[in-house]
Amino acid sequence: MATLSYAYADGIVWLQELSAEAHPMVHDLCRLHASTVRVPLGWELRDEWSPVAASSGAGPEQASLDLIGA
């Protein structure tokens, strides 16, 4: 699992190891969604998360989290 946070005004998204504390401005993601995060065009993804081999066998082709909307 990973924690996603962002600075909207700066166009930066951070993906980090799961945070030990809950906060209303961060979002916890499962391993599958953390490994498939996409950010809007022009935004920067600062990926500091280290994925562990998924045990479910589900690959990125099965799910994707798009922060850019449909």
C-alpha atoms as a PDB file:
ATOM      1  CA  MET A   1       0.000   0.000   0.000  1.00  0.00           C
ATOM      2  CA  ALA A   2       1.054   3.600  -0.551  1.00  0.00           C
ATOM      3  CA  THR A   3      -0.005   7.109   0.389  1.00  0.00           C
ATOM      4  CA  LEU A   4      -0.759   9.726  -2.270  1.00  0.00           C
ATOM      5  CA  SER A   5      -0.620  13.439  -1.536  1.00  0.00           C
ATOM      6  CA  TYR A   6      -0.506  16.484  -3.779  1.00  0.00           C
ATOM      7  CA  ALA A   7       0.089  20.225  -3.995  1.00  0.00           C
ATOM      8  CA  TYR A   8      -2.598  21.440  -6.378  1.00  0.00           C
ATOM      9  CA  ALA A   9      -1.130  24.931  -6.852  1.00  0.00           C
ATOM     10  CA  ASP A  10       2.274  23.464  -7.754  1.00  0.00           C
ATOM     11  CA  GLY A  11       0.994  20.560  -9.852  1.00  0.00           C
ATOM     12  CA  ILE A  12       2.959  17.969  -7.876  1.00  0.00           C
ATOM     13  CA  VAL A  13       1.809  14.533  -6.735  1.00  0.00           C
ATOM     14  CA  TRP A  14       3.793  12.474  -4.217  1.00  0.00           C
ATOM     15  CA  LEU A  15       3.488   8.721  -3.962  1.00  0.00           C
ATOM     16  CA  GLN A  16       5.157   7.485  -0.772  1.00  0.00           C
ATOM     17  CA  GLU A  17       5.251   4.538   1.580  1.00  0.00           C
ATOM     18  CA  LEU A  18       2.014   4.087   3.525  1.00  0.00           C
ATOM     19  CA  SER A  19       1.680   6.818   6.129  1.00  0.00           C
ATOM     20  CA  ALA A  20       1.265   5.671   9.726  1.00  0.00           C
ATOM     21  CA  GLU A  21      -1.134   8.531  10.497  1.00  0.00           C
ATOM     22  CA  ALA A  22      -4.415   9.413   8.794  1.00  0.00           C
ATOM     23  CA  HIS A  23      -4.825  12.920   7.411  1.00  0.00           C
ATOM     24  CA  PRO A  24      -7.733  14.410   5.426  1.00  0.00           C
ATOM     25  CA  MET A  25      -5.391  15.691   2.690  1.00  0.00           C
ATOM     26  CA  VAL A  26      -3.742  12.355   1.821  1.00  0.00           C
ATOM     27  CA  HIS A  27      -5.119   9.229   0.211  1.00  0.00           C
ATOM     28  CA  ASP A  28      -4.104   5.644   0.879  1.00  0.00           C
ATOM     29  CA  LEU A  29      -3.967   3.377  -2.162  1.00  0.00           C
ATOM     30  CA  CYS A  30      -3.801  -0.379  -2.529  1.00  0.00           C
ATOM     31  CA  ARG A  31      -0.728  -1.877  -4.230  1.00  0.00           C
ATOM     32  CA  LEU A  32      -2.491  -2.242  -7.580  1.00  0.00           C
ATOM     33  CA  HIS A  33      -3.722   1.346  -7.772  1.00  0.00           C
ATOM     34  CA  ALA A  34      -0.447   2.768  -6.439  1.00  0.00           C
ATOM     35  CA  SER A  35       1.445   1.029  -9.222  1.00  0.00           C
ATOM     36  CA  THR A  36      -0.816   2.505 -11.939  1.00  0.00           C
ATOM     37  CA  VAL A  37      -1.178   6.150 -10.858  1.00  0.00           C
ATOM     38  CA  ARG A  38      -1.263   8.687 -13.696  1.00  0.00           C
ATOM     39  CA  VAL A  39      -1.248  12.449 -13.187  1.00  0.00           C
ATOM     40  CA  PRO A  40      -2.636  15.251 -15.378  1.00  0.00           C
ATOM     41  CA  LEU A  41      -0.591  16.550 -18.291  1.00  0.00           C
ATOM     42  CA  GLY A  42       1.901  19.093 -16.999  1.00  0.00           C
ATOM     43  CA  TRP A  43       1.902  17.713 -13.455  1.00  0.00           C
ATOM     44  CA  GLU A  44       4.917  16.057 -11.857  1.00  0.00           C
ATOM     45  CA  LEU A  45       4.762  12.657 -10.153  1.00  0.00           C
ATOM     46  CA  ARG A  46       7.350  12.243  -7.411  1.00  0.00           C
ATOM     47  CA  ASP A  47       7.293   8.495  -6.919  1.00  0.00           C
ATOM     48  CA  GLU A  48       9.039   7.574  -3.668  1.00  0.00           C
ATOM     49  CA  TRP A  49       7.097   4.341  -3.187  1.00  0.00           C
ATOM     50  CA  SER A  50       8.720   0.907  -3.452  1.00  0.00           C
ATOM     51  CA  PRO A  51       6.184  -1.646  -4.656  1.00  0.00           C
ATOM     52  CA  VAL A  52       6.403  -5.156  -3.268  1.00  0.00           C
ATOM     53  CA  ALA A  53       5.595  -7.992  -5.684  1.00  0.00           C
ATOM     54  CA  ALA A  54       1.814  -8.262  -5.891  1.00  0.00           C
ATOM     55  CA  SER A  55       0.474 -11.513  -4.539  1.00  0.00           C
ATOM     56  CA  SER A  56      -2.902 -11.225  -6.280  1.00  0.00           C
ATOM     57  CA  GLY A  57      -1.463 -11.676  -9.758  1.00  0.00           C
ATOM     58  CA  ALA A  58      -3.405  -8.650 -10.991  1.00  0.00           C
ATOM     59  CA  GLY A  59      -1.436  -6.528 -13.434  1.00  0.00           C
ATOM     60  CA  PRO A  60      -1.648  -2.893 -14.488  1.00  0.00           C
ATOM     61  CA  GLU A  61      -3.724  -3.913 -17.497  1.00  0.00           C
ATOM     62  CA  GLN A  62      -6.552  -4.914 -15.153  1.00  0.00           C
ATOM     63  CA  ALA A  63      -6.995  -1.599 -13.352  1.00  0.00           C
ATOM     64  CA  SER A  64      -5.788   1.967 -13.567  1.00  0.00           C
ATOM     65  CA  LEU A  65      -6.243   5.040 -11.426  1.00  0.00           C
ATOM     66  CA  ASP A  66      -6.419   8.140 -13.580  1.00  0.00           C
ATOM     67  CA  LEU A  67      -6.286  11.461 -11.779  1.00  0.00           C
ATOM     68  CA  ILE A  68      -7.050  13.254 -15.044  1.00  0.00           C
ATOM     69  CA  GLY A  69     -10.699  12.240 -15.268  1.00  0.00           C
ATOM     70  CA  ALA A  70     -12.539  10.637 -18.151  1.00  0.00           C
END
